[in-house]
Amino acid sequence: MDNYQELAMVTKNNNLSLNEQILNAALGLAGEAGEVADMVKKWKFQGHLLDPKDIAKELGDICWYVALMSESIGLSFNEILEMNIEKLKKRYPEGFSAERSINRD
């Protein structure tokens, strides 16, 4: 993942300030996630086909913005993923459970 982050960041706009990079990443994440949601909405409610390749492209864009945000806050993509796994292990030590999901600390 760190290799992806390094390669992806070659394409970031270096003319933006740190604050602008963070804002760009946050808005980009929201926009790309919205595109995935729109595809699912059209599939579920409007009779469109759900094309895995189109979703994969949007997921790739989401990864790019996650890499940008990670870089902007001074963490590697790997560090972000490791932190998430640790959080999930604490939340669901035996694997997912609806009970633990409902009654989280």
N, C-alpha and C. Protein backbone atom coordinates (compact mmCIF):
# COMPACT_ATOMS: atom_id res chain seq x y z
N MET A 1 0.82 -1.19 0.00
CA MET A 1 0.00 0.00 0.00
C MET A 1 0.87 1.26 0.00
N ASP A 2 1.98 1.20 0.72
CA ASP A 2 2.85 2.37 0.73
C ASP A 2 3.41 2.64 -0.66
N ASN A 3 3.69 1.57 -1.41
CA ASN A 3 4.16 1.73 -2.78
C ASN A 3 3.09 2.41 -3.62
N TYR A 4 1.83 2.00 -3.45
CA TYR A 4 0.72 2.64 -4.16
C TYR A 4 0.69 4.12 -3.82
N GLN A 5 0.78 4.43 -2.52
CA GLN A 5 0.71 5.82 -2.08
C GLN A 5 1.83 6.64 -2.73
N GLU A 6 3.03 6.09 -2.74
CA GLU A 6 4.16 6.79 -3.33
C GLU A 6 3.92 7.05 -4.82
N LEU A 7 3.47 6.02 -5.54
CA LEU A 7 3.23 6.17 -6.97
C LEU A 7 2.05 7.10 -7.25
N ALA A 8 1.00 6.99 -6.46
CA ALA A 8 -0.18 7.83 -6.67
C ALA A 8 0.12 9.30 -6.42
N MET A 9 0.96 9.57 -5.44
CA MET A 9 1.23 10.96 -5.08
C MET A 9 2.08 11.70 -6.10
N VAL A 10 2.61 10.97 -7.07
CA VAL A 10 3.29 11.62 -8.19
C VAL A 10 2.28 12.49 -8.96
N THR A 11 1.01 12.13 -8.90
CA THR A 11 -0.02 12.83 -9.67
C THR A 11 -0.78 13.88 -8.85
N LYS A 12 -0.38 14.10 -7.60
CA LYS A 12 -1.09 15.13 -6.81
C LYS A 12 -0.67 16.52 -7.27
N ASN A 13 -1.51 17.49 -6.98
CA ASN A 13 -1.24 18.87 -7.34
C ASN A 13 -0.35 19.49 -6.27
N ASN A 14 0.91 19.63 -6.55
CA ASN A 14 1.87 20.18 -5.59
C ASN A 14 1.76 21.69 -5.42
N ASN A 15 0.90 22.33 -6.18
CA ASN A 15 0.70 23.77 -6.04
C ASN A 15 -0.30 24.10 -4.93
N LEU A 16 -0.92 23.08 -4.36
CA LEU A 16 -1.90 23.31 -3.29
C LEU A 16 -1.19 23.33 -1.94
N SER A 17 -1.70 24.16 -1.04
CA SER A 17 -1.19 24.18 0.33
C SER A 17 -1.64 22.91 1.05
N LEU A 18 -1.08 22.68 2.23
CA LEU A 18 -1.48 21.52 3.01
C LEU A 18 -2.98 21.56 3.31
N ASN A 19 -3.49 22.70 3.71
CA ASN A 19 -4.92 22.82 3.99
C ASN A 19 -5.75 22.51 2.74
N GLU A 20 -5.30 22.97 1.59
CA GLU A 20 -6.00 22.70 0.34
C GLU A 20 -5.92 21.22 -0.03
N GLN A 21 -4.77 20.58 0.25
CA GLN A 21 -4.64 19.14 -0.02
C GLN A 21 -5.66 18.36 0.82
N ILE A 22 -5.77 18.74 2.09
CA ILE A 22 -6.72 18.06 2.99
C ILE A 22 -8.15 18.27 2.50
N LEU A 23 -8.48 19.49 2.14
CA LEU A 23 -9.83 19.77 1.64
C LEU A 23 -10.10 19.02 0.34
N ASN A 24 -9.11 19.01 -0.56
CA ASN A 24 -9.25 18.28 -1.82
C ASN A 24 -9.50 16.80 -1.56
N ALA A 25 -8.75 16.23 -0.61
CA ALA A 25 -8.91 14.81 -0.30
C ALA A 25 -10.29 14.53 0.29
N ALA A 26 -10.73 15.36 1.23
CA ALA A 26 -12.04 15.14 1.87
C ALA A 26 -13.18 15.25 0.86
N LEU A 27 -13.14 16.27 0.04
CA LEU A 27 -14.20 16.45 -0.96
C LEU A 27 -14.13 15.37 -2.04
N GLY A 28 -12.92 14.99 -2.40
CA GLY A 28 -12.76 13.92 -3.39
C GLY A 28 -13.31 12.60 -2.89
N LEU A 29 -13.04 12.28 -1.62
CA LEU A 29 -13.58 11.05 -1.03
C LEU A 29 -15.10 11.06 -1.06
N ALA A 30 -15.67 12.17 -0.65
CA ALA A 30 -17.14 12.28 -0.65
C ALA A 30 -17.70 12.14 -2.06
N GLY A 31 -17.06 12.78 -3.01
CA GLY A 31 -17.54 12.73 -4.39
C GLY A 31 -17.46 11.34 -4.99
N GLU A 32 -16.34 10.67 -4.78
CA GLU A 32 -16.17 9.33 -5.36
C GLU A 32 -17.09 8.32 -4.67
N ALA A 33 -17.23 8.43 -3.35
CA ALA A 33 -18.16 7.54 -2.64
C ALA A 33 -19.58 7.78 -3.14
N GLY A 34 -19.89 9.04 -3.41
CA GLY A 34 -21.20 9.37 -3.97
C GLY A 34 -21.42 8.75 -5.33
N GLU A 35 -20.37 8.67 -6.12
CA GLU A 35 -20.51 8.03 -7.44
C GLU A 35 -20.81 6.54 -7.29
N VAL A 36 -20.16 5.89 -6.33
CA VAL A 36 -20.45 4.47 -6.08
C VAL A 36 -21.90 4.32 -5.61
N ALA A 37 -22.30 5.17 -4.68
CA ALA A 37 -23.68 5.12 -4.16
C ALA A 37 -24.68 5.34 -5.29
N ASP A 38 -24.38 6.25 -6.20
CA ASP A 38 -25.28 6.52 -7.32
C ASP A 38 -25.42 5.32 -8.23
N MET A 39 -24.31 4.61 -8.47
CA MET A 39 -24.37 3.40 -9.29
C MET A 39 -25.25 2.34 -8.64
N VAL A 40 -25.10 2.18 -7.33
CA VAL A 40 -25.90 1.18 -6.62
C VAL A 40 -27.37 1.60 -6.62
N LYS A 41 -27.64 2.89 -6.42
CA LYS A 41 -29.01 3.40 -6.46
C LYS A 41 -29.66 3.11 -7.81
N LYS A 42 -28.93 3.41 -8.88
CA LYS A 42 -29.49 3.19 -10.22
C LYS A 42 -29.72 1.71 -10.49
N TRP A 43 -28.83 0.87 -9.96
CA TRP A 43 -29.00 -0.58 -10.11
C TRP A 43 -30.22 -1.06 -9.34
N LYS A 44 -30.32 -0.62 -8.09
CA LYS A 44 -31.38 -1.13 -7.20
C LYS A 44 -32.76 -0.58 -7.56
N PHE A 45 -32.83 0.69 -7.95
CA PHE A 45 -34.14 1.33 -8.08
C PHE A 45 -34.51 1.78 -9.49
N GLN A 46 -33.54 1.75 -10.43
CA GLN A 46 -33.83 2.28 -11.76
C GLN A 46 -33.55 1.29 -12.88
N GLY A 47 -33.25 0.05 -12.53
CA GLY A 47 -33.09 -0.99 -13.53
C GLY A 47 -31.76 -0.99 -14.28
N HIS A 48 -30.78 -0.24 -13.82
CA HIS A 48 -29.48 -0.24 -14.48
C HIS A 48 -28.71 -1.52 -14.13
N LEU A 49 -27.78 -1.88 -14.99
CA LEU A 49 -26.87 -2.97 -14.68
C LEU A 49 -25.81 -2.46 -13.72
N LEU A 50 -25.36 -3.34 -12.84
CA LEU A 50 -24.28 -3.00 -11.92
C LEU A 50 -22.99 -3.53 -12.52
N ASP A 51 -22.17 -2.64 -13.03
CA ASP A 51 -20.94 -3.03 -13.72
C ASP A 51 -19.77 -3.03 -12.73
N PRO A 52 -19.25 -4.21 -12.39
CA PRO A 52 -18.13 -4.28 -11.44
C PRO A 52 -16.92 -3.48 -11.88
N LYS A 53 -16.68 -3.38 -13.18
CA LYS A 53 -15.53 -2.62 -13.66
C LYS A 53 -15.70 -1.13 -13.39
N ASP A 54 -16.91 -0.62 -13.53
CA ASP A 54 -17.15 0.79 -13.24
C ASP A 54 -17.00 1.06 -11.75
N ILE A 55 -17.50 0.16 -10.92
CA ILE A 55 -17.33 0.32 -9.48
C ILE A 55 -15.85 0.25 -9.12
N ALA A 56 -15.13 -0.66 -9.74
CA ALA A 56 -13.69 -0.80 -9.46
C ALA A 56 -12.95 0.50 -9.79
N LYS A 57 -13.32 1.15 -10.87
CA LYS A 57 -12.68 2.42 -11.23
C LYS A 57 -12.91 3.47 -10.14
N GLU A 58 -14.13 3.53 -9.65
CA GLU A 58 -14.44 4.50 -8.59
C GLU A 58 -13.73 4.13 -7.29
N LEU A 59 -13.64 2.85 -6.99
CA LEU A 59 -12.90 2.42 -5.80
C LEU A 59 -11.43 2.80 -5.91
N GLY A 60 -10.88 2.70 -7.10
CA GLY A 60 -9.51 3.15 -7.33
C GLY A 60 -9.36 4.63 -7.06
N ASP A 61 -10.35 5.42 -7.49
CA ASP A 61 -10.32 6.86 -7.22
C ASP A 61 -10.42 7.13 -5.72
N ILE A 62 -11.24 6.35 -5.02
CA ILE A 62 -11.33 6.48 -3.57
C ILE A 62 -9.98 6.21 -2.93
N CYS A 63 -9.30 5.16 -3.39
CA CYS A 63 -7.98 4.85 -2.86
C CYS A 63 -7.01 6.00 -3.09
N TRP A 64 -7.10 6.66 -4.24
CA TRP A 64 -6.22 7.79 -4.52
C TRP A 64 -6.44 8.90 -3.49
N TYR A 65 -7.70 9.19 -3.22
CA TYR A 65 -7.99 10.25 -2.25
C TYR A 65 -7.63 9.83 -0.82
N VAL A 66 -7.76 8.54 -0.50
CA VAL A 66 -7.30 8.07 0.81
C VAL A 66 -5.78 8.25 0.91
N ALA A 67 -5.08 7.93 -0.16
CA ALA A 67 -3.63 8.11 -0.17
C ALA A 67 -3.27 9.59 0.00
N LEU A 68 -4.00 10.47 -0.66
CA LEU A 68 -3.76 11.90 -0.54
C LEU A 68 -4.00 12.37 0.89
N MET A 69 -5.10 11.94 1.49
CA MET A 69 -5.39 12.35 2.86
C MET A 69 -4.34 11.79 3.81
N SER A 70 -3.97 10.53 3.62
CA SER A 70 -2.94 9.92 4.47
C SER A 70 -1.66 10.73 4.39
N GLU A 71 -1.25 11.03 3.19
CA GLU A 71 -0.03 11.81 2.96
C GLU A 71 -0.16 13.19 3.62
N SER A 72 -1.31 13.80 3.48
CA SER A 72 -1.53 15.15 3.99
C SER A 72 -1.48 15.21 5.52
N ILE A 73 -1.88 14.12 6.18
CA ILE A 73 -1.86 14.12 7.65
C ILE A 73 -0.61 13.43 8.20
N GLY A 74 0.31 13.10 7.31
CA GLY A 74 1.60 12.60 7.73
C GLY A 74 1.64 11.13 8.11
N LEU A 75 0.73 10.35 7.55
CA LEU A 75 0.71 8.91 7.80
C LEU A 75 0.79 8.17 6.49
N SER A 76 1.30 6.94 6.55
CA SER A 76 1.31 6.11 5.35
C SER A 76 -0.02 5.36 5.25
N PHE A 77 -0.32 4.93 4.05
CA PHE A 77 -1.53 4.12 3.81
C PHE A 77 -1.48 2.88 4.71
N ASN A 78 -0.30 2.26 4.81
CA ASN A 78 -0.16 1.08 5.67
C ASN A 78 -0.50 1.40 7.12
N GLU A 79 -0.04 2.53 7.61
CA GLU A 79 -0.34 2.90 8.99
C GLU A 79 -1.84 3.06 9.20
N ILE A 80 -2.51 3.67 8.25
CA ILE A 80 -3.97 3.85 8.33
C ILE A 80 -4.66 2.49 8.39
N LEU A 81 -4.24 1.57 7.52
CA LEU A 81 -4.86 0.24 7.49
C LEU A 81 -4.57 -0.55 8.76
N GLU A 82 -3.36 -0.44 9.28
CA GLU A 82 -3.02 -1.13 10.53
C GLU A 82 -3.85 -0.59 11.69
N MET A 83 -4.02 0.74 11.75
CA MET A 83 -4.84 1.34 12.80
C MET A 83 -6.28 0.84 12.71
N ASN A 84 -6.78 0.71 11.50
CA ASN A 84 -8.15 0.23 11.31
C ASN A 84 -8.31 -1.21 11.76
N ILE A 85 -7.34 -2.06 11.42
CA ILE A 85 -7.40 -3.46 11.84
C ILE A 85 -7.39 -3.57 13.36
N GLU A 86 -6.56 -2.77 14.02
CA GLU A 86 -6.51 -2.80 15.49
C GLU A 86 -7.86 -2.37 16.08
N LYS A 87 -8.47 -1.35 15.50
CA LYS A 87 -9.79 -0.90 15.96
C LYS A 87 -10.82 -2.02 15.79
N LEU A 88 -10.79 -2.68 14.63
CA LEU A 88 -11.76 -3.76 14.36
C LEU A 88 -11.55 -4.96 15.28
N LYS A 89 -10.28 -5.28 15.58
CA LYS A 89 -10.00 -6.39 16.49
C LYS A 89 -10.58 -6.12 17.88
N LYS A 90 -10.46 -4.87 18.33
CA LYS A 90 -11.02 -4.51 19.63
C LYS A 90 -12.54 -4.53 19.61
N ARG A 91 -13.11 -4.05 18.53
CA ARG A 91 -14.56 -3.95 18.42
C ARG A 91 -15.20 -5.32 18.24
N TYR A 92 -14.57 -6.18 17.45
CA TYR A 92 -15.13 -7.50 17.13
C TYR A 92 -14.07 -8.57 17.33
N PRO A 93 -13.67 -8.85 18.55
CA PRO A 93 -12.58 -9.80 18.79
C PRO A 93 -12.89 -11.21 18.30
N GLU A 94 -14.13 -11.58 18.23
CA GLU A 94 -14.53 -12.91 17.76
C GLU A 94 -15.10 -12.87 16.35
N GLY A 95 -14.92 -11.77 15.66
CA GLY A 95 -15.55 -11.57 14.36
C GLY A 95 -16.82 -10.75 14.53
N PHE A 96 -17.43 -10.36 13.43
CA PHE A 96 -18.61 -9.50 13.49
C PHE A 96 -19.72 -10.14 14.29
N SER A 97 -20.38 -9.30 15.07
CA SER A 97 -21.58 -9.71 15.78
C SER A 97 -22.53 -8.52 15.82
N ALA A 98 -23.78 -8.77 15.48
CA ALA A 98 -24.78 -7.70 15.51
C ALA A 98 -24.89 -7.11 16.91
N GLU A 99 -24.82 -7.95 17.93
CA GLU A 99 -24.91 -7.48 19.31
C GLU A 99 -23.80 -6.48 19.62
N ARG A 100 -22.56 -6.80 19.25
CA ARG A 100 -21.45 -5.88 19.51
C ARG A 100 -21.55 -4.63 18.66
N SER A 101 -22.14 -4.76 17.49
CA SER A 101 -22.32 -3.59 16.63
C SER A 101 -23.32 -2.62 17.25
N ILE A 102 -24.39 -3.16 17.81
CA ILE A 102 -25.43 -2.33 18.41
C ILE A 102 -24.95 -1.73 19.73
N ASN A 103 -24.25 -2.51 20.53
CA ASN A 103 -23.83 -2.10 21.87
C ASN A 103 -22.33 -1.82 21.94
N ARG A 104 -21.87 -0.89 21.11
CA ARG A 104 -20.45 -0.54 21.09
C ARG A 104 -20.13 0.43 22.21
N ASP A 105 -18.88 0.34 22.67
CA ASP A 105 -18.40 1.31 23.65
C ASP A 105 -17.92 2.55 22.93
